[in-house]
Amino acid sequence: MKIGVVVFPGSNCDRDCGQAISKVTGAQILYLWHKNFDLEGCDVIVLPGGFSYGDYLRCGAIASHSPIMQEVKAAANRGMPVLGICNGFQILTESGLLPGVLMRNRSLNFICETVSLKLENAKTPFTRKGKVGAVSRMPIAHMEGNYFADAETFKTLEGEGQVVFRYCDEKGQVTEASNPNGAMGNMAGICNKAGNVLGLMPHPERVCEELLGGTDGAVLFRSLLG
């Protein structure tokens, strides 16, 4: 299996992702420069966190027009698994691969903390080794993680099972107090209708080793092994 990690100017989680995924899956990792027009035979694409293009205009807006995103969008539409983490999630919404938008956090402050997440959808390529209702702990580090969509899109996301992760408390209760950024419906991660494109604000790559504080994030990468 080949897994491509796209590198944009300002990406700072690309090597973290590559190392974590390689350790969990044993897959070959290819770092794909944003100006490439070739996915180099990759089976999965990961858009990592960071500050692509310095987050100018809007987070992910410029990156969404990078040459490689033409190939990513075409591959996603053919069914290739695509994962966007934090800034990668923002790029997915800006490129139209996922609906909605990531706005400024409700507090208008940058948030860097560990949160609890409830798994809502265990049918995606990235969550099929998880269990619906399972609670995991993952770190977040963002300024624009407040997910918003119009009423019709919100209804579709809820009705079609496209909400993959929700912010919750340690017991799995989805509460206002457990929502760190004001995201509608406590949405921490969503997928497209086909289920092959997943975006989430928390960083699973940062919790794949006990040495680093936990392994809850490893399930997303282990799931790729089928």
Protein backbone atom coordinates (compact mmCIF):
# COMPACT_ATOMS: atom_id res chain seq x y z
CA MET A 1 0.00 0.00 0.00
CA LYS A 2 1.21 3.50 -0.89
CA ILE A 3 -0.03 6.44 1.16
CA GLY A 4 0.61 9.95 -0.09
CA VAL A 5 0.98 12.87 2.31
CA VAL A 6 0.58 16.18 0.49
CA VAL A 7 3.04 18.91 1.45
CA PHE A 8 1.95 22.54 1.03
CA PRO A 9 4.01 25.62 1.86
CA GLY A 10 3.30 26.00 5.57
CA SER A 11 2.43 22.36 6.28
CA ASN A 12 3.97 21.41 9.62
CA CYS A 13 2.37 18.05 10.36
CA ASP A 14 3.34 16.22 7.18
CA ARG A 15 6.29 14.32 8.66
CA ASP A 16 4.32 13.59 11.83
CA CYS A 17 1.58 12.03 9.71
CA GLY A 18 4.00 10.06 7.60
CA GLN A 19 5.85 8.65 10.59
CA ALA A 20 2.68 7.74 12.48
CA ILE A 21 1.00 6.11 9.48
CA SER A 22 4.12 4.17 8.57
CA LYS A 23 4.53 2.90 12.12
CA VAL A 24 0.88 1.80 12.40
CA THR A 25 0.37 0.36 8.90
CA GLY A 26 3.82 -0.46 7.55
CA ALA A 27 2.74 1.26 4.32
CA GLN A 28 5.10 3.07 1.99
CA ILE A 29 4.83 6.83 2.56
CA LEU A 30 5.25 9.27 -0.31
CA TYR A 31 5.48 13.01 0.33
CA LEU A 32 3.72 14.74 -2.56
CA TRP A 33 4.66 18.35 -3.28
CA HIS A 34 1.64 20.59 -3.87
CA LYS A 35 2.77 21.57 -7.37
CA ASN A 36 2.75 17.97 -8.58
CA PHE A 37 0.15 16.79 -11.06
CA ASP A 38 0.83 13.14 -10.23
CA LEU A 39 -0.31 11.13 -7.21
CA GLU A 40 2.45 8.62 -7.99
CA GLY A 41 0.28 5.53 -7.71
CA CYS A 42 -0.88 6.21 -4.15
CA ASP A 43 -3.81 4.25 -2.75
CA VAL A 44 -4.69 6.81 -0.05
CA ILE A 45 -4.14 10.56 0.24
CA VAL A 46 -3.66 12.51 3.48
CA LEU A 47 -3.86 16.30 3.71
CA PRO A 48 -1.99 17.14 6.93
CA GLY A 49 -2.33 19.95 9.43
CA GLY A 50 -0.38 23.18 9.52
CA PHE A 51 -0.78 26.63 8.04
CA SER A 52 -0.85 26.13 4.27
CA TYR A 53 0.11 29.39 2.55
CA GLY A 54 0.14 31.08 5.95
CA ASP A 55 -3.66 30.76 6.22
CA TYR A 56 -3.98 33.86 4.04
CA LEU A 57 -7.44 34.78 2.69
CA ARG A 58 -9.11 31.88 4.54
CA CYS A 59 -7.62 28.73 6.01
CA GLY A 60 -7.12 26.25 3.18
CA ALA A 61 -8.42 28.62 0.49
CA ILE A 62 -5.19 29.01 -1.48
CA ALA A 63 -4.12 25.39 -0.97
CA SER A 64 -7.41 24.21 -2.43
CA HIS A 65 -6.26 25.64 -5.79
CA SER A 66 -2.84 23.98 -5.75
CA PRO A 67 -2.18 21.82 -8.83
CA ILE A 68 -2.18 18.58 -6.89
CA MET A 69 -5.70 19.22 -5.59
CA GLN A 70 -7.04 18.73 -9.12
CA GLU A 71 -5.69 15.19 -8.95
CA VAL A 72 -6.88 14.66 -5.38
CA LYS A 73 -10.42 15.73 -6.28
CA ALA A 74 -10.49 13.46 -9.32
CA ALA A 75 -9.18 10.52 -7.31
CA ALA A 76 -11.66 11.17 -4.48
CA ASN A 77 -14.51 11.22 -6.98
CA ARG A 78 -13.33 7.81 -8.18
CA GLY A 79 -13.52 6.49 -4.62
CA MET A 80 -9.95 6.85 -3.34
CA PRO A 81 -9.80 7.33 0.46
CA VAL A 82 -8.79 10.91 1.34
CA LEU A 83 -8.18 12.13 4.88
CA GLY A 84 -7.88 15.78 5.87
CA ILE A 85 -6.59 16.60 9.34
CA CYS A 86 -7.08 20.10 10.83
CA ASN A 87 -5.82 22.39 8.05
CA GLY A 88 -6.40 19.43 5.74
CA PHE A 89 -10.08 19.45 6.78
CA GLN A 90 -10.22 23.15 5.95
CA ILE A 91 -8.70 22.44 2.53
CA LEU A 92 -11.33 19.75 1.89
CA THR A 93 -14.18 22.18 2.56
CA GLU A 94 -12.57 24.93 0.49
CA SER A 95 -12.09 22.52 -2.42
CA GLY A 96 -15.69 21.33 -2.29
CA LEU A 97 -14.84 17.75 -1.39
CA LEU A 98 -16.70 18.25 1.89
CA PRO A 99 -19.61 20.61 2.58
CA GLY A 100 -19.64 23.50 5.02
CA VAL A 101 -16.92 25.76 6.31
CA LEU A 102 -14.54 26.04 9.28
CA MET A 103 -14.91 29.41 11.00
CA ARG A 104 -13.14 31.16 13.87
CA ASN A 105 -13.49 29.41 17.20
CA ARG A 106 -16.38 30.66 19.31
CA SER A 107 -13.90 32.09 21.82
CA LEU A 108 -11.90 33.82 19.05
CA ASN A 109 -8.83 32.26 20.65
CA PHE A 110 -6.41 29.62 19.42
CA ILE A 111 -7.18 26.34 21.22
CA CYS A 112 -4.55 23.74 22.04
CA GLU A 113 -5.84 20.97 24.29
CA THR A 114 -6.90 17.34 24.38
CA VAL A 115 -10.57 16.60 23.81
CA SER A 116 -12.89 13.61 23.95
CA LEU A 117 -14.49 12.35 20.75
CA LYS A 118 -17.42 10.02 20.17
CA LEU A 119 -17.29 7.83 17.07
CA GLU A 120 -20.59 8.09 15.18
CA ASN A 121 -19.76 6.33 11.91
CA ALA A 122 -17.63 3.19 11.76
CA LYS A 123 -18.20 2.52 8.06
CA THR A 124 -15.57 4.79 6.50
CA PRO A 125 -12.18 3.45 5.34
CA PHE A 126 -10.65 5.30 8.29
CA THR A 127 -13.00 4.16 11.06
CA ARG A 128 -14.08 0.60 10.19
CA LYS A 129 -11.93 -0.89 12.94
CA GLY A 130 -13.61 1.37 15.48
CA LYS A 131 -16.87 0.87 17.35
CA VAL A 132 -19.81 3.23 17.17
CA GLY A 133 -20.14 5.04 20.49
CA ALA A 134 -16.49 4.52 21.43
CA VAL A 135 -14.87 7.50 23.13
CA SER A 136 -11.32 8.46 22.27
CA ARG A 137 -8.97 11.23 23.34
CA MET A 138 -7.13 13.33 20.75
CA PRO A 139 -5.42 16.72 20.76
CA ILE A 140 -6.66 19.76 18.88
CA ALA A 141 -4.67 22.84 17.91
CA HIS A 142 -6.58 25.36 15.83
CA MET A 143 -8.00 28.84 15.51
CA GLU A 144 -10.67 28.00 12.92
CA GLY A 145 -12.34 24.78 13.98
CA ASN A 146 -15.90 26.02 14.36
CA TYR A 147 -17.73 23.90 11.78
CA PHE A 148 -20.77 25.49 10.15
CA ALA A 149 -23.15 24.54 7.35
CA ASP A 150 -26.53 25.80 6.21
CA ALA A 151 -29.68 24.21 7.62
CA GLU A 152 -30.26 21.90 4.65
CA THR A 153 -26.66 20.64 4.68
CA PHE A 154 -26.79 20.16 8.43
CA LYS A 155 -29.95 18.07 8.06
CA THR A 156 -28.33 15.98 5.34
CA LEU A 157 -25.17 15.37 7.38
CA GLU A 158 -27.23 14.19 10.32
CA GLY A 159 -29.69 12.18 8.28
CA GLU A 160 -27.17 10.45 6.02
CA GLY A 161 -24.75 9.44 8.76
CA GLN A 162 -22.03 11.79 7.54
CA VAL A 163 -21.10 12.94 11.03
CA VAL A 164 -18.14 10.73 11.91
CA PHE A 165 -16.87 12.28 15.16
CA ARG A 166 -18.50 14.53 17.75
CA TYR A 167 -16.97 16.37 20.66
CA CYS A 168 -18.20 14.81 23.90
CA ASP A 169 -17.31 14.46 27.56
CA GLU A 170 -15.25 11.57 28.92
CA LYS A 171 -18.42 9.48 29.36
CA GLY A 172 -19.52 9.97 25.75
CA GLN A 173 -22.21 12.53 26.46
CA VAL A 174 -22.46 15.15 23.72
CA THR A 175 -22.83 18.40 25.64
CA GLU A 176 -22.39 22.09 25.04
CA ALA A 177 -19.65 22.16 27.67
CA SER A 178 -17.67 19.54 25.73
CA ASN A 179 -17.73 21.59 22.52
CA PRO A 180 -14.37 23.41 22.42
CA ASN A 181 -14.95 25.68 19.42
CA GLY A 182 -18.69 26.13 18.89
CA ALA A 183 -18.99 23.66 16.00
CA MET A 184 -22.63 23.03 15.10
CA GLY A 185 -23.91 19.72 16.40
CA ASN A 186 -20.55 19.26 18.20
CA MET A 187 -19.19 18.06 14.85
CA ALA A 188 -15.48 17.27 15.03
CA GLY A 189 -15.29 15.26 11.82
CA ILE A 190 -17.51 14.60 8.80
CA CYS A 191 -17.36 12.56 5.60
CA ASN A 192 -18.79 12.88 2.12
CA LYS A 193 -21.86 10.90 1.06
CA ALA A 194 -19.73 8.09 -0.38
CA GLY A 195 -17.80 7.86 2.89
CA ASN A 196 -14.34 7.84 1.31
CA VAL A 197 -13.44 11.47 2.16
CA LEU A 198 -13.05 12.28 5.85
CA GLY A 199 -12.13 15.58 7.46
CA LEU A 200 -11.56 16.11 11.17
CA MET A 201 -10.06 18.85 13.32
CA PRO A 202 -8.37 16.65 15.99
CA HIS A 203 -4.93 15.18 15.27
CA PRO A 204 -4.94 11.34 15.31
CA GLU A 205 -1.30 11.22 14.22
CA ARG A 206 -0.29 12.71 17.58
CA VAL A 207 -1.73 9.83 19.59
CA CYS A 208 -0.36 6.73 17.89
CA GLU A 209 2.30 5.84 20.45
CA GLU A 210 2.08 5.30 24.20
CA LEU A 211 5.32 7.25 24.52
CA LEU A 212 3.49 10.29 23.18
CA GLY A 213 0.51 9.93 25.48
CA GLY A 214 -1.82 7.39 23.89
CA THR A 215 -2.78 5.31 20.88
CA ASP A 216 -6.41 6.33 20.29
CA GLY A 217 -5.54 7.86 16.92
CA ALA A 218 -4.04 4.66 15.55
CA VAL A 219 -7.47 3.20 14.72
CA LEU A 220 -7.87 5.64 11.83
CA PHE A 221 -4.74 4.35 10.16
CA ARG A 222 -5.14 0.72 11.17
CA SER A 223 -8.57 0.77 9.53
CA LEU A 224 -6.88 1.29 6.16
CA LEU A 225 -5.52 -2.24 6.37
CA GLY A 226 -9.04 -3.60 5.96
